[in-house]
Amino acid sequence: MYAVVGCTDCTALWLLSDPDTSKTARCPRCGRRHQTRKLRRFFESDDRDAARQARSELLAKRQGASEAVADLESVAEMERQTEEPAVDDHEYLEGSGLDADAVAAAGSESRGSRSRDQVVRDAVREQDRPSEEEVVDYAAEYGVPADAARDLLETLVRRGEISESRGRYRLL
């Protein structure tokens, strides 16, 4: 069961689902708590879409726009229409002056990129017990700054994900 109810303080209208099961309801606009049995019910229905439609008609009537709402589709139909994009990504990018194919190619290249954290892990994994400098050099080849590589290496050791013994590292 759905009911369109109104706040006595700010006159907001909202949908209340199962109005007979809860004792109180809070106004979504002003936050006032109401006893549900005392709320005025402008419309009741078992169909949520019907209740949404009734609420929109009540709001339009309040604004003096009843005729405009009568020409519109139902609230549920308008919601379905808004889920479909009016312009696809390719058309949007082209309209913005960008080469959509170049953007797609750049996106597919970056998907294979690794995070700094992953680069440091790979440096330890792919080398045989590397030193700190070997890890930093490896990371630098993949665009990780030396200071960031050292900090990440230290963090991974503290977390217990990498062990350090006599200046050599290994992945646990």
Protein backbone atom coordinates (compact mmCIF):
# COMPACT_ATOMS: atom_id res chain seq x y z
CA MET A 1 0.00 0.00 0.00
CA TYR A 2 1.23 3.47 -0.91
CA ALA A 3 -0.17 6.77 0.26
CA VAL A 4 0.52 10.33 -0.81
CA VAL A 5 0.72 12.30 2.42
CA GLY A 6 1.44 15.92 3.28
CA CYS A 7 3.38 17.69 5.99
CA THR A 8 1.42 20.07 8.20
CA ASP A 9 4.44 22.35 8.65
CA CYS A 10 6.00 22.79 5.21
CA THR A 11 3.20 21.33 3.01
CA ALA A 12 5.57 18.91 1.30
CA LEU A 13 3.97 15.91 -0.36
CA TRP A 14 5.66 12.53 -0.31
CA LEU A 15 4.98 8.85 -0.76
CA LEU A 16 4.62 6.70 2.28
CA SER A 17 4.88 2.97 1.76
CA ASP A 18 2.87 0.78 4.10
CA PRO A 19 1.43 3.70 6.06
CA ASP A 20 -0.47 1.40 8.44
CA THR A 21 2.60 -0.54 9.59
CA SER A 22 4.82 2.30 10.84
CA LYS A 23 3.81 4.55 13.70
CA THR A 24 5.74 7.62 12.59
CA ALA A 25 7.09 9.17 9.41
CA ARG A 26 9.59 11.97 8.91
CA CYS A 27 8.98 14.74 6.37
CA PRO A 28 11.75 14.59 3.76
CA ARG A 29 11.80 18.39 3.40
CA CYS A 30 11.65 19.83 6.92
CA GLY A 31 12.40 16.71 8.97
CA ARG A 32 9.38 16.94 11.25
CA ARG A 33 8.22 13.60 12.62
CA HIS A 34 4.52 12.86 12.22
CA GLN A 35 2.26 10.14 13.55
CA THR A 36 1.21 8.29 10.39
CA ARG A 37 -2.37 7.78 11.53
CA LYS A 38 -2.78 11.57 11.79
CA LEU A 39 -1.29 12.39 8.39
CA ARG A 40 -3.74 13.45 5.71
CA ARG A 41 -3.79 10.93 2.90
CA PHE A 42 -4.42 12.60 -0.44
CA PHE A 43 -4.25 9.37 -2.41
CA GLU A 44 -3.90 5.65 -1.66
CA SER A 45 -3.08 2.79 -3.98
CA ASP A 46 -1.45 -0.62 -4.07
CA ASP A 47 0.46 0.49 -7.18
CA ARG A 48 3.53 2.61 -6.50
CA ASP A 49 3.51 4.15 -9.98
CA ALA A 50 -0.11 5.23 -9.54
CA ALA A 51 0.78 6.89 -6.25
CA ARG A 52 3.77 8.64 -7.85
CA GLN A 53 1.52 9.86 -10.67
CA ALA A 54 -1.03 11.17 -8.18
CA ARG A 55 1.68 13.03 -6.26
CA SER A 56 2.96 14.68 -9.43
CA GLU A 57 -0.57 15.74 -10.39
CA LEU A 58 -1.17 17.18 -6.92
CA LEU A 59 2.10 19.13 -7.10
CA ALA A 60 1.20 20.44 -10.58
CA LYS A 61 -2.25 21.47 -9.42
CA ARG A 62 -0.70 23.33 -6.50
CA GLN A 63 1.53 25.24 -8.96
CA GLY A 64 -1.33 25.93 -11.37
CA ALA A 65 0.14 23.69 -14.06
CA SER A 66 -2.53 20.99 -14.23
CA GLU A 67 -2.99 21.41 -17.98
CA ALA A 68 0.74 21.00 -18.64
CA VAL A 69 0.86 17.76 -16.65
CA ALA A 70 -2.15 16.39 -18.46
CA ASP A 71 -0.18 16.52 -21.73
CA LEU A 72 2.78 14.61 -20.26
CA GLU A 73 3.27 10.86 -20.11
CA SER A 74 3.06 9.02 -16.81
CA VAL A 75 5.85 9.43 -14.28
CA ALA A 76 6.92 5.81 -14.78
CA GLU A 77 7.13 6.25 -18.57
CA MET A 78 9.16 9.46 -18.26
CA GLU A 79 11.54 7.67 -15.89
CA ARG A 80 12.02 4.86 -18.42
CA GLN A 81 12.74 7.43 -21.14
CA THR A 82 15.37 9.19 -19.06
CA GLU A 83 17.27 5.94 -18.58
CA GLU A 84 18.02 5.86 -22.31
CA PRO A 85 20.80 8.30 -23.25
CA ALA A 86 19.83 10.96 -25.77
CA VAL A 87 23.39 11.12 -27.08
CA ASP A 88 25.81 8.19 -27.08
CA ASP A 89 29.41 8.61 -25.90
CA HIS A 90 30.88 8.65 -29.42
CA GLU A 91 28.51 11.36 -30.61
CA TYR A 92 29.10 13.41 -27.44
CA LEU A 93 32.88 13.30 -27.80
CA GLU A 94 32.75 14.20 -31.50
CA GLY A 95 30.38 17.07 -30.73
CA SER A 96 32.82 18.33 -28.09
CA GLY A 97 35.58 18.51 -30.69
CA LEU A 98 37.42 15.38 -29.55
CA ASP A 99 38.43 12.40 -31.64
CA ALA A 100 36.30 9.64 -30.13
CA ASP A 101 38.47 6.88 -31.57
CA ALA A 102 41.61 8.41 -30.04
CA VAL A 103 39.86 8.71 -26.67
CA ALA A 104 38.79 5.06 -26.84
CA ALA A 105 42.33 3.99 -27.74
CA ALA A 106 43.78 6.00 -24.85
CA GLY A 107 41.27 4.43 -22.48
CA SER A 108 42.14 0.90 -23.54
CA GLU A 109 45.87 1.62 -23.10
CA SER A 110 45.40 2.96 -19.58
CA ARG A 111 43.34 -0.04 -18.48
CA GLY A 112 46.48 -2.14 -18.64
CA SER A 113 48.48 0.28 -16.50
CA ARG A 114 49.42 -0.65 -12.98
CA SER A 115 49.21 1.33 -9.80
CA ARG A 116 52.39 2.46 -8.06
CA ASP A 117 51.76 -0.11 -5.38
CA GLN A 118 51.52 -2.87 -8.00
CA VAL A 119 54.72 -1.73 -9.74
CA VAL A 120 56.66 -2.00 -6.46
CA ARG A 121 55.19 -5.45 -5.79
CA ASP A 122 56.13 -6.54 -9.31
CA ALA A 123 59.67 -5.22 -8.81
CA VAL A 124 60.12 -7.52 -5.82
CA ARG A 125 58.32 -10.44 -7.48
CA GLU A 126 60.20 -10.34 -10.79
CA GLN A 127 63.70 -9.91 -9.36
CA ASP A 128 65.63 -12.39 -7.24
CA ARG A 129 65.77 -10.82 -3.75
CA PRO A 130 66.36 -7.25 -5.00
CA SER A 131 67.90 -4.45 -2.99
CA GLU A 132 66.10 -1.19 -2.31
CA GLU A 133 67.94 0.49 -5.18
CA GLU A 134 67.01 -2.31 -7.59
CA VAL A 135 63.35 -1.94 -6.62
CA VAL A 136 63.54 1.86 -7.00
CA ASP A 137 65.25 1.55 -10.41
CA TYR A 138 62.62 -0.93 -11.62
CA ALA A 139 59.81 1.33 -10.39
CA ALA A 140 61.38 4.37 -12.05
CA GLU A 141 61.27 2.56 -15.42
CA TYR A 142 57.48 2.43 -15.02
CA GLY A 143 57.04 6.04 -13.97
CA VAL A 144 57.05 5.69 -10.18
CA PRO A 145 59.14 8.45 -8.52
CA ALA A 146 62.03 7.20 -6.39
CA ASP A 147 60.69 8.70 -3.15
CA ALA A 148 57.26 7.16 -3.74
CA ALA A 149 58.81 3.75 -4.48
CA ARG A 150 60.84 3.88 -1.24
CA ASP A 151 57.76 4.91 0.77
CA LEU A 152 55.66 2.15 -0.78
CA LEU A 153 58.38 -0.43 -0.15
CA GLU A 154 58.56 0.63 3.50
CA THR A 155 54.77 0.52 3.81
CA LEU A 156 54.55 -2.96 2.32
CA VAL A 157 57.25 -4.18 4.73
CA ARG A 158 55.36 -2.69 7.70
CA ARG A 159 52.15 -4.38 6.54
CA GLY A 160 53.97 -7.68 6.36
CA GLU A 161 53.38 -8.15 2.64
CA ILE A 162 57.09 -7.94 1.81
CA SER A 163 59.95 -9.05 4.02
CA GLU A 164 63.35 -7.39 4.30
CA SER A 165 66.46 -9.21 5.41
CA ARG A 166 69.98 -7.75 5.19
CA GLY A 167 68.84 -5.12 2.68
CA ARG A 168 67.17 -7.65 0.36
CA TYR A 169 63.42 -7.93 -0.24
CA ARG A 170 61.05 -10.74 -1.06
CA LEU A 171 57.29 -10.95 -1.51
CA LEU A 172 55.40 -12.96 1.11
